[in-house]
Amino acid sequence: MQTRRTFISNGVRIAVGCLLPHAALADDFTGEKLTILHTNDVHSRLEPFPMDGGRFQGQGGVAARAAIIRKIRAEEKNVLLLDAGDIFQGTPYFNFFKGEPEIKAMTAMGYDAATMGNHDFDAGLDNFATQLERHAAFPLVISNYDFTGTSMQRLYKPYVIFRKGRLKIGVLGVGIELEGLVPSNLAAGTKYRDPVGSANEIASHLKNTEKCDMVICLSHLGNRYDSGKVSDEILARESDGIDLIIGGHTHSFLPEPIKYVNKSGSTVIVNQVGWAGVVLGRLDFTFDRISGKNLVRAHSVVIAQKPSE
């Protein structure tokens, strides 16, 4: 039999629960933390830039990046490592090995997911499929390319869901329009769909059906354009259900994440960390049952031959 105190306590919990978002009802994630590490447009830069007086001399390289990732994983409980596309093209490694060492390096570093950029078609779609099938231990997510009937048909997903502690995180991907960027013979039958509509469809499923606590979009659309071409800015403003956009394509070194208001009045965060793997993006979120998710730290970690933050 319930005591009067127990009855009142249970009633309060029920009343408060009715006011909370559906995702919060599944579990009390108060105090849970999530660290998101991300790259974009690495462009086959496996080694640091040479010490030749250039802007990025001594920066980049997978060995230094891997060391920093290991250090962060040792310090933080819940970590996601993500990439926003253009893995290929830019150094002789790609010319000679067609992407094999790049995918092997990402697998060795423990990437959780990546999306596809236009330069990932540069040796043809069949080659990209081969590299993924043989060497990738991470999923390729993209929701607005239809690969039906191609070599990629079974090698991609529109979204993936990760469990990190008590958190349920949905990750989807969108890619740039291929016409004018990728010759049709290299795209091998890929069909392009509207990225905003595709992203919103998947985000709605992740939020409302899967009850994800956070939805992340890996985007290779580009940060913004004066022409009005679809971009991360437009996607953020026209989105519904996306919490974070990790961008690529425009090689934008954002000094800090940009915050937009979407069509439902919620905040969408956009971040991008340049190119060539000279920077590792880091976003630290805390979660609270009442206020939801909060970005408490945004930090661009410079990748150097002697890893340091």
C-alpha atoms as a PDB file:
ATOM      1  CA  MET A   1       0.000   0.000   0.000  1.00  0.00           C
ATOM      2  CA  GLN A   2       1.243   3.472  -0.892  1.00  0.00           C
ATOM      3  CA  THR A   3       1.853   5.996   1.867  1.00  0.00           C
ATOM      4  CA  ARG A   4       0.533   9.504   1.382  1.00  0.00           C
ATOM      5  CA  ARG A   5       4.115  10.735   0.774  1.00  0.00           C
ATOM      6  CA  THR A   6       4.744   8.036  -1.879  1.00  0.00           C
ATOM      7  CA  PHE A   7       1.435   8.824  -3.580  1.00  0.00           C
ATOM      8  CA  ILE A   8       2.250  12.544  -3.807  1.00  0.00           C
ATOM      9  CA  SER A   9       5.795  11.837  -4.976  1.00  0.00           C
ATOM     10  CA  ASN A  10       4.587   9.530  -7.736  1.00  0.00           C
ATOM     11  CA  GLY A  11       1.969  12.046  -8.780  1.00  0.00           C
ATOM     12  CA  VAL A  12       4.553  14.787  -9.104  1.00  0.00           C
ATOM     13  CA  ARG A  13       6.796  12.571 -11.235  1.00  0.00           C
ATOM     14  CA  ILE A  14       3.895  11.707 -13.523  1.00  0.00           C
ATOM     15  CA  ALA A  15       2.842  15.350 -13.863  1.00  0.00           C
ATOM     16  CA  VAL A  16       6.360  16.507 -14.651  1.00  0.00           C
ATOM     17  CA  GLY A  17       6.844  13.631 -17.098  1.00  0.00           C
ATOM     18  CA  CYS A  18       3.827  14.727 -19.110  1.00  0.00           C
ATOM     19  CA  LEU A  19       5.505  18.072 -19.738  1.00  0.00           C
ATOM     20  CA  LEU A  20       8.789  16.640 -20.968  1.00  0.00           C
ATOM     21  CA  PRO A  21       9.820  15.714 -24.521  1.00  0.00           C
ATOM     22  CA  HIS A  22       9.109  12.096 -25.495  1.00  0.00           C
ATOM     23  CA  ALA A  23      12.831  11.258 -25.673  1.00  0.00           C
ATOM     24  CA  ALA A  24      13.277  12.229 -22.027  1.00  0.00           C
ATOM     25  CA  LEU A  25      10.502   9.929 -20.883  1.00  0.00           C
ATOM     26  CA  ALA A  26      12.417   6.797 -21.899  1.00  0.00           C
ATOM     27  CA  ASP A  27      15.180   7.402 -19.377  1.00  0.00           C
ATOM     28  CA  ASP A  28      16.470  10.062 -17.043  1.00  0.00           C
ATOM     29  CA  PHE A  29      19.704  11.093 -18.789  1.00  0.00           C
ATOM     30  CA  THR A  30      20.478  13.917 -16.346  1.00  0.00           C
ATOM     31  CA  GLY A  31      24.224  14.325 -16.007  1.00  0.00           C
ATOM     32  CA  GLU A  32      25.051  12.331 -19.144  1.00  0.00           C
ATOM     33  CA  LYS A  33      27.789  13.793 -21.349  1.00  0.00           C
ATOM     34  CA  LEU A  34      28.558  13.324 -25.045  1.00  0.00           C
ATOM     35  CA  THR A  35      31.768  14.324 -26.834  1.00  0.00           C
ATOM     36  CA  ILE A  36      31.526  14.610 -30.620  1.00  0.00           C
ATOM     37  CA  LEU A  37      34.780  14.597 -32.590  1.00  0.00           C
ATOM     38  CA  HIS A  38      34.598  15.391 -36.284  1.00  0.00           C
ATOM     39  CA  THR A  39      36.530  15.984 -39.495  1.00  0.00           C
ATOM     40  CA  ASN A  40      35.651  16.969 -43.058  1.00  0.00           C
ATOM     41  CA  ASP A  41      37.410  17.290 -46.411  1.00  0.00           C
ATOM     42  CA  VAL A  42      40.520  15.421 -45.292  1.00  0.00           C
ATOM     43  CA  HIS A  43      41.351  14.879 -48.999  1.00  0.00           C
ATOM     44  CA  SER A  44      43.805  11.981 -48.633  1.00  0.00           C
ATOM     45  CA  ARG A  45      46.106  13.965 -46.331  1.00  0.00           C
ATOM     46  CA  LEU A  46      47.621  11.000 -44.500  1.00  0.00           C
ATOM     47  CA  GLU A  47      50.899  12.703 -43.603  1.00  0.00           C
ATOM     48  CA  PRO A  48      51.498  16.149 -42.077  1.00  0.00           C
ATOM     49  CA  PHE A  49      52.118  19.075 -44.375  1.00  0.00           C
ATOM     50  CA  PRO A  50      55.852  19.433 -45.100  1.00  0.00           C
ATOM     51  CA  MET A  51      57.984  21.853 -43.137  1.00  0.00           C
ATOM     52  CA  ASP A  52      58.328  24.243 -46.081  1.00  0.00           C
ATOM     53  CA  GLY A  53      57.158  27.520 -44.583  1.00  0.00           C
ATOM     54  CA  GLY A  54      53.574  27.031 -45.746  1.00  0.00           C
ATOM     55  CA  ARG A  55      50.502  27.984 -43.756  1.00  0.00           C
ATOM     56  CA  PHE A  56      49.925  24.455 -42.446  1.00  0.00           C
ATOM     57  CA  GLN A  57      53.498  23.217 -42.155  1.00  0.00           C
ATOM     58  CA  GLY A  58      53.804  20.337 -39.709  1.00  0.00           C
ATOM     59  CA  GLN A  59      50.025  20.088 -39.255  1.00  0.00           C
ATOM     60  CA  GLY A  60      47.697  17.219 -40.099  1.00  0.00           C
ATOM     61  CA  GLY A  61      48.463  13.547 -40.534  1.00  0.00           C
ATOM     62  CA  VAL A  62      46.635  10.475 -39.333  1.00  0.00           C
ATOM     63  CA  ALA A  63      49.231   9.458 -36.710  1.00  0.00           C
ATOM     64  CA  ALA A  64      48.876  12.708 -34.759  1.00  0.00           C
ATOM     65  CA  ARG A  65      45.081  12.658 -35.148  1.00  0.00           C
ATOM     66  CA  ALA A  66      44.890   9.073 -33.908  1.00  0.00           C
ATOM     67  CA  ALA A  67      46.953   9.951 -30.829  1.00  0.00           C
ATOM     68  CA  ILE A  68      44.638  12.819 -29.908  1.00  0.00           C
ATOM     69  CA  ILE A  69      41.554  10.669 -30.453  1.00  0.00           C
ATOM     70  CA  ARG A  70      42.952   7.954 -28.194  1.00  0.00           C
ATOM     71  CA  LYS A  71      43.682  10.528 -25.488  1.00  0.00           C
ATOM     72  CA  ILE A  72      40.158  11.970 -25.603  1.00  0.00           C
ATOM     73  CA  ARG A  73      38.569   8.523 -25.552  1.00  0.00           C
ATOM     74  CA  ALA A  74      40.620   7.654 -22.481  1.00  0.00           C
ATOM     75  CA  GLU A  75      39.291  10.783 -20.733  1.00  0.00           C
ATOM     76  CA  GLU A  76      35.636  10.746 -21.833  1.00  0.00           C
ATOM     77  CA  LYS A  77      33.051   8.000 -21.485  1.00  0.00           C
ATOM     78  CA  ASN A  78      30.757   8.757 -24.436  1.00  0.00           C
ATOM     79  CA  VAL A  79      32.538   9.718 -27.664  1.00  0.00           C
ATOM     80  CA  LEU A  80      31.384   9.783 -31.307  1.00  0.00           C
ATOM     81  CA  LEU A  81      33.893  10.218 -34.162  1.00  0.00           C
ATOM     82  CA  LEU A  82      32.318  11.410 -37.426  1.00  0.00           C
ATOM     83  CA  ASP A  83      33.356  12.635 -40.901  1.00  0.00           C
ATOM     84  CA  ALA A  84      31.459  14.854 -43.355  1.00  0.00           C
ATOM     85  CA  GLY A  85      32.901  13.629 -46.645  1.00  0.00           C
ATOM     86  CA  ASP A  86      35.576  14.218 -49.289  1.00  0.00           C
ATOM     87  CA  ILE A  87      37.745  11.516 -47.807  1.00  0.00           C
ATOM     88  CA  PHE A  88      39.517  11.102 -51.178  1.00  0.00           C
ATOM     89  CA  GLN A  89      41.606  13.182 -53.588  1.00  0.00           C
ATOM     90  CA  GLY A  90      44.426  15.614 -52.926  1.00  0.00           C
ATOM     91  CA  THR A  91      47.681  13.691 -52.453  1.00  0.00           C
ATOM     92  CA  PRO A  92      49.569  10.983 -54.392  1.00  0.00           C
ATOM     93  CA  TYR A  93      48.236   8.396 -51.946  1.00  0.00           C
ATOM     94  CA  PHE A  94      44.887   8.620 -53.736  1.00  0.00           C
ATOM     95  CA  ASN A  95      46.406   8.651 -57.217  1.00  0.00           C
ATOM     96  CA  PHE A  96      48.307   5.431 -56.535  1.00  0.00           C
ATOM     97  CA  PHE A  97      46.040   3.526 -54.125  1.00  0.00           C
ATOM     98  CA  LYS A  98      42.548   4.869 -54.987  1.00  0.00           C
ATOM     99  CA  GLY A  99      41.439   5.418 -51.390  1.00  0.00           C
ATOM    100  CA  GLU A 100      42.490   2.183 -49.707  1.00  0.00           C
ATOM    101  CA  PRO A 101      44.864   3.746 -47.142  1.00  0.00           C
ATOM    102  CA  GLU A 102      42.381   6.507 -46.330  1.00  0.00           C
ATOM    103  CA  ILE A 103      39.587   4.054 -45.469  1.00  0.00           C
ATOM    104  CA  LYS A 104      41.988   1.774 -43.603  1.00  0.00           C
ATOM    105  CA  ALA A 105      43.186   4.744 -41.531  1.00  0.00           C
ATOM    106  CA  MET A 106      39.626   5.760 -40.629  1.00  0.00           C
ATOM    107  CA  THR A 107      38.837   2.191 -39.612  1.00  0.00           C
ATOM    108  CA  ALA A 108      41.989   2.049 -37.479  1.00  0.00           C
ATOM    109  CA  MET A 109      41.038   5.312 -35.757  1.00  0.00           C
ATOM    110  CA  GLY A 110      37.589   3.929 -34.973  1.00  0.00           C
ATOM    111  CA  TYR A 111      35.357   6.313 -36.926  1.00  0.00           C
ATOM    112  CA  ASP A 112      31.736   5.703 -36.016  1.00  0.00           C
ATOM    113  CA  ALA A 113      30.209   7.010 -39.264  1.00  0.00           C
ATOM    114  CA  ALA A 114      30.925   9.133 -42.347  1.00  0.00           C
ATOM    115  CA  THR A 115      29.049  10.604 -45.270  1.00  0.00           C
ATOM    116  CA  MET A 116      30.083  10.972 -48.908  1.00  0.00           C
ATOM    117  CA  GLY A 117      31.523  14.025 -50.672  1.00  0.00           C
ATOM    118  CA  ASN A 118      31.716  14.774 -54.394  1.00  0.00           C
ATOM    119  CA  HIS A 119      35.446  13.925 -54.562  1.00  0.00           C
ATOM    120  CA  ASP A 120      34.736  10.460 -53.213  1.00  0.00           C
ATOM    121  CA  PHE A 121      33.412   9.728 -56.727  1.00  0.00           C
ATOM    122  CA  ASP A 122      36.726  10.708 -58.363  1.00  0.00           C
ATOM    123  CA  ALA A 123      37.835   7.141 -59.125  1.00  0.00           C
ATOM    124  CA  GLY A 124      34.281   6.074 -59.855  1.00  0.00           C
ATOM    125  CA  LEU A 125      31.440   4.809 -57.708  1.00  0.00           C
ATOM    126  CA  ASP A 126      32.547   1.197 -58.137  1.00  0.00           C
ATOM    127  CA  ASN A 127      35.939   2.057 -56.663  1.00  0.00           C
ATOM    128  CA  PHE A 128      34.380   3.787 -53.660  1.00  0.00           C
ATOM    129  CA  ALA A 129      32.169   0.760 -53.108  1.00  0.00           C
ATOM    130  CA  THR A 130      35.180  -1.545 -53.318  1.00  0.00           C
ATOM    131  CA  GLN A 131      37.147   0.449 -50.739  1.00  0.00           C
ATOM    132  CA  LEU A 132      34.193   0.485 -48.338  1.00  0.00           C
ATOM    133  CA  GLU A 133      33.435  -3.207 -48.758  1.00  0.00           C
ATOM    134  CA  ARG A 134      37.036  -4.306 -48.277  1.00  0.00           C
ATOM    135  CA  HIS A 135      38.332  -1.871 -45.681  1.00  0.00           C
ATOM    136  CA  ALA A 136      35.578   0.067 -43.833  1.00  0.00           C
ATOM    137  CA  ALA A 137      34.439  -0.964 -40.357  1.00  0.00           C
ATOM    138  CA  PHE A 138      32.170   2.085 -40.121  1.00  0.00           C
ATOM    139  CA  PRO A 139      28.836   2.850 -41.864  1.00  0.00           C
ATOM    140  CA  LEU A 140      28.451   5.276 -44.751  1.00  0.00           C
ATOM    141  CA  VAL A 141      25.295   7.339 -44.148  1.00  0.00           C
ATOM    142  CA  ILE A 142      23.529   9.368 -46.814  1.00  0.00           C
ATOM    143  CA  SER A 143      19.807   9.914 -47.244  1.00  0.00           C
ATOM    144  CA  ASN A 144      19.496  11.912 -50.490  1.00  0.00           C
ATOM    145  CA  TYR A 145      21.497   9.726 -52.886  1.00  0.00           C
ATOM    146  CA  ASP A 146      19.599   6.762 -54.301  1.00  0.00           C
ATOM    147  CA  PHE A 147      22.098   4.023 -55.158  1.00  0.00           C
ATOM    148  CA  THR A 148      19.515   1.454 -56.283  1.00  0.00           C
ATOM    149  CA  GLY A 149      20.972  -0.784 -58.982  1.00  0.00           C
ATOM    150  CA  THR A 150      24.564   0.329 -58.376  1.00  0.00           C
ATOM    151  CA  SER A 151      27.561  -1.229 -56.638  1.00  0.00           C
ATOM    152  CA  MET A 152      26.756   0.938 -53.586  1.00  0.00           C
ATOM    153  CA  GLN A 153      23.239  -0.427 -53.159  1.00  0.00           C
ATOM    154  CA  ARG A 154      24.011  -2.481 -50.038  1.00  0.00           C
ATOM    155  CA  LEU A 155      26.903  -0.395 -48.741  1.00  0.00           C
ATOM    156  CA  TYR A 156      25.136   2.668 -47.343  1.00  0.00           C
ATOM    157  CA  LYS A 157      22.418   3.550 -44.872  1.00  0.00           C
ATOM    158  CA  PRO A 158      20.130   6.608 -44.668  1.00  0.00           C
ATOM    159  CA  TYR A 159      20.840   6.784 -40.931  1.00  0.00           C
ATOM    160  CA  VAL A 160      22.395   4.924 -38.012  1.00  0.00           C
ATOM    161  CA  ILE A 161      21.609   4.970 -34.294  1.00  0.00           C
ATOM    162  CA  PHE A 162      24.203   4.843 -31.534  1.00  0.00           C
ATOM    163  CA  ARG A 163      23.735   4.093 -27.854  1.00  0.00           C
ATOM    164  CA  LYS A 164      26.099   6.132 -25.717  1.00  0.00           C
ATOM    165  CA  GLY A 165      25.479   5.530 -22.044  1.00  0.00           C
ATOM    166  CA  ARG A 166      21.814   6.376 -21.467  1.00  0.00           C
ATOM    167  CA  LEU A 167      21.682   8.422 -24.671  1.00  0.00           C
ATOM    168  CA  LYS A 168      20.247   7.420 -28.026  1.00  0.00           C
ATOM    169  CA  ILE A 169      21.906   9.349 -30.876  1.00  0.00           C
ATOM    170  CA  GLY A 170      20.669   9.325 -34.482  1.00  0.00           C
ATOM    171  CA  VAL A 171      23.082  10.189 -37.303  1.00  0.00           C
ATOM    172  CA  LEU A 172      22.015  10.849 -40.902  1.00  0.00           C
ATOM    173  CA  GLY A 173      23.839  12.202 -43.944  1.00  0.00           C
ATOM    174  CA  VAL A 174      23.185  14.436 -46.958  1.00  0.00           C
ATOM    175  CA  GLY A 175      25.290  15.108 -50.045  1.00  0.00           C
ATOM    176  CA  ILE A 176      25.680  17.920 -52.555  1.00  0.00           C
ATOM    177  CA  GLU A 177      24.045  17.936 -55.988  1.00  0.00           C
ATOM    178  CA  LEU A 178      26.336  16.018 -58.332  1.00  0.00           C
ATOM    179  CA  GLU A 179      25.520  17.761 -61.613  1.00  0.00           C
ATOM    180  CA  GLY A 180      28.371  20.071 -62.555  1.00  0.00           C
ATOM    181  CA  LEU A 181      30.673  18.532 -59.953  1.00  0.00           C
ATOM    182  CA  VAL A 182      30.813  14.831 -60.805  1.00  0.00           C
ATOM    183  CA  PRO A 183      30.826  13.424 -64.370  1.00  0.00           C
ATOM    184  CA  SER A 184      27.844  11.123 -64.901  1.00  0.00           C
ATOM    185  CA  ASN A 185      30.049   8.141 -65.749  1.00  0.00           C
ATOM    186  CA  LEU A 186      31.744   8.377 -62.333  1.00  0.00           C
ATOM    187  CA  ALA A 187      28.433   8.623 -60.475  1.00  0.00           C
ATOM    188  CA  ALA A 188      27.263   5.398 -62.160  1.00  0.00           C
ATOM    189  CA  GLY A 189      23.490   5.781 -61.924  1.00  0.00           C
ATOM    190  CA  THR A 190      23.321   7.657 -58.616  1.00  0.00           C
ATOM    191  CA  LYS A 191      20.048   9.558 -58.257  1.00  0.00           C
ATOM    192  CA  TYR A 192      20.071  12.854 -56.347  1.00  0.00           C
ATOM    193  CA  ARG A 193      17.167  13.879 -54.107  1.00  0.00           C
ATOM    194  CA  ASP A 194      16.386  17.152 -52.352  1.00  0.00           C
ATOM    195  CA  PRO A 195      18.626  17.179 -49.259  1.00  0.00           C
ATOM    196  CA  VAL A 196      16.313  19.309 -47.093  1.00  0.00           C
ATOM    197  CA  GLY A 197      13.277  17.123 -47.687  1.00  0.00           C
ATOM    198  CA  SER A 198      15.308  13.939 -47.268  1.00  0.00           C
ATOM    199  CA  ALA A 199      16.949  15.140 -44.058  1.00  0.00           C
ATOM    200  CA  ASN A 200      13.661  16.251 -42.531  1.00  0.00           C
ATOM    201  CA  GLU A 201      12.025  12.922 -43.364  1.00  0.00           C
ATOM    202  CA  ILE A 202      14.787  10.960 -41.650  1.00  0.00           C
ATOM    203  CA  ALA A 203      15.038  13.394 -38.716  1.00  0.00           C
ATOM    204  CA  SER A 204      11.314  13.063 -38.071  1.00  0.00           C
ATOM    205  CA  HIS A 205      11.666   9.288 -37.969  1.00  0.00           C
ATOM    206  CA  LEU A 206      14.635   9.486 -35.602  1.00  0.00           C
ATOM    207  CA  LYS A 207      12.948  11.941 -33.232  1.00  0.00           C
ATOM    208  CA  ASN A 208       9.367  10.733 -33.272  1.00  0.00           C
ATOM    209  CA  THR A 209       9.586   7.012 -33.979  1.00  0.00           C
ATOM    210  CA  GLU A 210      13.031   6.049 -32.703  1.00  0.00           C
ATOM    211  CA  LYS A 211      12.847   8.579 -29.819  1.00  0.00           C
ATOM    212  CA  CYS A 212      16.455   9.708 -30.235  1.00  0.00           C
ATOM    213  CA  ASP A 213      17.762  12.162 -27.670  1.00  0.00           C
ATOM    214  CA  MET A 214      19.859  13.909 -30.327  1.00  0.00           C
ATOM    215  CA  VAL A 215      19.875  13.964 -34.149  1.00  0.00           C
ATOM    216  CA  ILE A 216      23.102  14.766 -36.020  1.00  0.00           C
ATOM    217  CA  CYS A 217      23.309  15.445 -39.752  1.00  0.00           C
ATOM    218  CA  LEU A 218      26.604  14.871 -41.589  1.00  0.00           C
ATOM    219  CA  SER A 219      26.394  17.308 -44.485  1.00  0.00           C
ATOM    220  CA  HIS A 220      28.521  17.804 -47.578  1.00  0.00           C
ATOM    221  CA  LEU A 221      26.405  20.697 -48.824  1.00  0.00           C
ATOM    222  CA  GLY A 222      28.749  23.563 -47.908  1.00  0.00           C
ATOM    223  CA  ASN A 223      28.439  26.182 -45.203  1.00  0.00           C
ATOM    224  CA  ARG A 224      26.651  28.962 -47.125  1.00  0.00           C
ATOM    225  CA  TYR A 225      26.481  30.589 -50.585  1.00  0.00           C
ATOM    226  CA  ASP A 226      25.566  34.056 -51.819  1.00  0.00           C
ATOM    227  CA  SER A 227      23.713  32.425 -54.735  1.00  0.00           C
ATOM    228  CA  GLY A 228      21.071  30.828 -52.559  1.00  0.00           C
ATOM    229  CA  LYS A 229      22.288  27.330 -53.401  1.00  0.00           C
ATOM    230  CA  VAL A 230      21.222  24.812 -50.778  1.00  0.00           C
ATOM    231  CA  SER A 231      23.706  24.885 -47.909  1.00  0.00           C
ATOM    232  CA  ASP A 232      24.049  24.077 -44.233  1.00  0.00           C
ATOM    233  CA  GLU A 233      22.581  27.480 -43.447  1.00  0.00           C
ATOM    234  CA  ILE A 234      19.466  26.764 -45.517  1.00  0.00           C
ATOM    235  CA  LEU A 235      19.207  23.218 -44.207  1.00  0.00           C
ATOM    236  CA  ALA A 236      19.445  24.462 -40.620  1.00  0.00           C
ATOM    237  CA  ARG A 237      16.753  27.116 -41.088  1.00  0.00           C
ATOM    238  CA  GLU A 238      14.418  24.766 -42.990  1.00  0.00           C
ATOM    239  CA  SER A 239      15.018  21.730 -40.816  1.00  0.00           C
ATOM    240  CA  ASP A 240      12.780  20.164 -38.201  1.00  0.00           C
ATOM    241  CA  GLY A 241      14.252  17.665 -35.766  1.00  0.00           C
ATOM    242  CA  ILE A 242      17.970  18.111 -36.493  1.00  0.00           C
ATOM    243  CA  ASP A 243      20.015  19.301 -33.519  1.00  0.00           C
ATOM    244  CA  LEU A 244      23.520  19.455 -35.014  1.00  0.00           C
ATOM    245  CA  ILE A 245      24.895  19.754 -38.550  1.00  0.00           C
ATOM    246  CA  ILE A 246      28.521  18.760 -39.091  1.00  0.00           C
ATOM    247  CA  GLY A 247      29.450  20.304 -42.416  1.00  0.00           C
ATOM    248  CA  GLY A 248      31.937  20.000 -45.220  1.00  0.00           C
ATOM    249  CA  HIS A 249      32.664  20.915 -48.870  1.00  0.00           C
ATOM    250  CA  THR A 250      33.429  24.633 -48.485  1.00  0.00           C
ATOM    251  CA  HIS A 251      36.565  24.041 -46.359  1.00  0.00           C
ATOM    252  CA  SER A 252      35.298  26.588 -43.839  1.00  0.00           C
ATOM    253  CA  PHE A 253      37.408  27.068 -40.702  1.00  0.00           C
ATOM    254  CA  LEU A 254      34.596  28.276 -38.463  1.00  0.00           C
ATOM    255  CA  PRO A 255      35.969  30.108 -35.412  1.00  0.00           C
ATOM    256  CA  GLU A 256      33.014  28.785 -33.428  1.00  0.00           C
ATOM    257  CA  PRO A 257      29.820  26.868 -34.191  1.00  0.00           C
ATOM    258  CA  ILE A 258      26.980  28.852 -35.762  1.00  0.00           C
ATOM    259  CA  LYS A 259      23.536  28.722 -34.176  1.00  0.00           C
ATOM    260  CA  TYR A 260      20.389  28.976 -36.293  1.00  0.00           C
ATOM    261  CA  VAL A 261      16.686  28.779 -35.478  1.00  0.00           C
ATOM    262  CA  ASN A 262      14.796  26.144 -37.443  1.00  0.00           C
ATOM    263  CA  LYS A 263      11.225  26.325 -38.712  1.00  0.00           C
ATOM    264  CA  SER A 264       9.924  24.974 -35.399  1.00  0.00           C
ATOM    265  CA  GLY A 265      11.743  27.609 -33.359  1.00  0.00           C
ATOM    266  CA  SER A 266      14.429  25.254 -32.046  1.00  0.00           C
ATOM    267  CA  THR A 267      18.181  25.851 -32.136  1.00  0.00           C
ATOM    268  CA  VAL A 268      20.326  24.062 -34.719  1.00  0.00           C
ATOM    269  CA  ILE A 269      24.106  24.125 -34.327  1.00  0.00           C
ATOM    270  CA  VAL A 270      26.373  24.049 -37.410  1.00  0.00           C
ATOM    271  CA  ASN A 271      30.108  23.404 -37.309  1.00  0.00           C
ATOM    272  CA  GLN A 272      32.873  22.804 -39.879  1.00  0.00           C
ATOM    273  CA  VAL A 273      36.629  22.468 -39.428  1.00  0.00           C
ATOM    274  CA  GLY A 274      38.361  23.476 -42.660  1.00  0.00           C
ATOM    275  CA  TRP A 275      40.112  20.772 -44.624  1.00  0.00           C
ATOM    276  CA  ALA A 276      43.113  18.399 -44.874  1.00  0.00           C
ATOM    277  CA  GLY A 277      42.699  17.117 -41.336  1.00  0.00           C
ATOM    278  CA  VAL A 278      44.656  19.978 -39.795  1.00  0.00           C
ATOM    279  CA  VAL A 279      41.904  20.446 -37.206  1.00  0.00           C
ATOM    280  CA  LEU A 280      39.783  17.996 -35.247  1.00  0.00           C
ATOM    281  CA  GLY A 281      36.461  19.461 -34.202  1.00  0.00           C
ATOM    282  CA  ARG A 282      35.338  18.799 -30.659  1.00  0.00           C
ATOM    283  CA  LEU A 283      31.858  19.520 -29.284  1.00  0.00           C
ATOM    284  CA  ASP A 284      30.982  18.615 -25.696  1.00  0.00           C
ATOM    285  CA  PHE A 285      27.313  18.340 -24.757  1.00  0.00           C
ATOM    286  CA  THR A 286      25.642  17.732 -21.416  1.00  0.00           C
ATOM    287  CA  PHE A 287      22.111  16.402 -21.101  1.00  0.00           C
ATOM    288  CA  ASP A 288      19.512  17.269 -18.503  1.00  0.00           C
ATOM    289  CA  ARG A 289      16.014  15.920 -18.025  1.00  0.00           C
ATOM    290  CA  ILE A 290      14.523  19.392 -17.806  1.00  0.00           C
ATOM    291  CA  SER A 291      16.558  21.547 -20.210  1.00  0.00           C
ATOM    292  CA  GLY A 292      17.572  18.824 -22.681  1.00  0.00           C
ATOM    293  CA  LYS A 293      20.939  19.069 -24.436  1.00  0.00           C
ATOM    294  CA  ASN A 294      23.404  21.903 -23.921  1.00  0.00           C
ATOM    295  CA  LEU A 295      26.627  22.653 -25.794  1.00  0.00           C
ATOM    296  CA  VAL A 296      29.080  23.398 -23.001  1.00  0.00           C
ATOM    297  CA  ARG A 297      32.317  23.441 -24.983  1.00  0.00           C
ATOM    298  CA  ALA A 298      33.356  23.871 -28.619  1.00  0.00           C
ATOM    299  CA  HIS A 299      37.039  23.395 -29.268  1.00  0.00           C
ATOM    300  CA  SER A 300      39.078  23.105 -32.477  1.00  0.00           C
ATOM    301  CA  VAL A 301      42.007  20.790 -31.735  1.00  0.00           C
ATOM    302  CA  VAL A 302      44.976  21.545 -33.991  1.00  0.00           C
ATOM    303  CA  ILE A 303      46.541  18.360 -35.328  1.00  0.00           C
ATOM    304  CA  ALA A 304      50.335  18.610 -35.186  1.00  0.00           C
ATOM    305  CA  GLN A 305      53.255  16.206 -35.361  1.00  0.00           C
ATOM    306  CA  LYS A 306      53.531  16.447 -31.570  1.00  0.00           C
ATOM    307  CA  PRO A 307      49.863  16.148 -30.539  1.00  0.00           C
ATOM    308  CA  SER A 308      48.675  18.842 -28.170  1.00  0.00           C
ATOM    309  CA  GLU A 309      45.502  20.732 -27.485  1.00  0.00           C
END
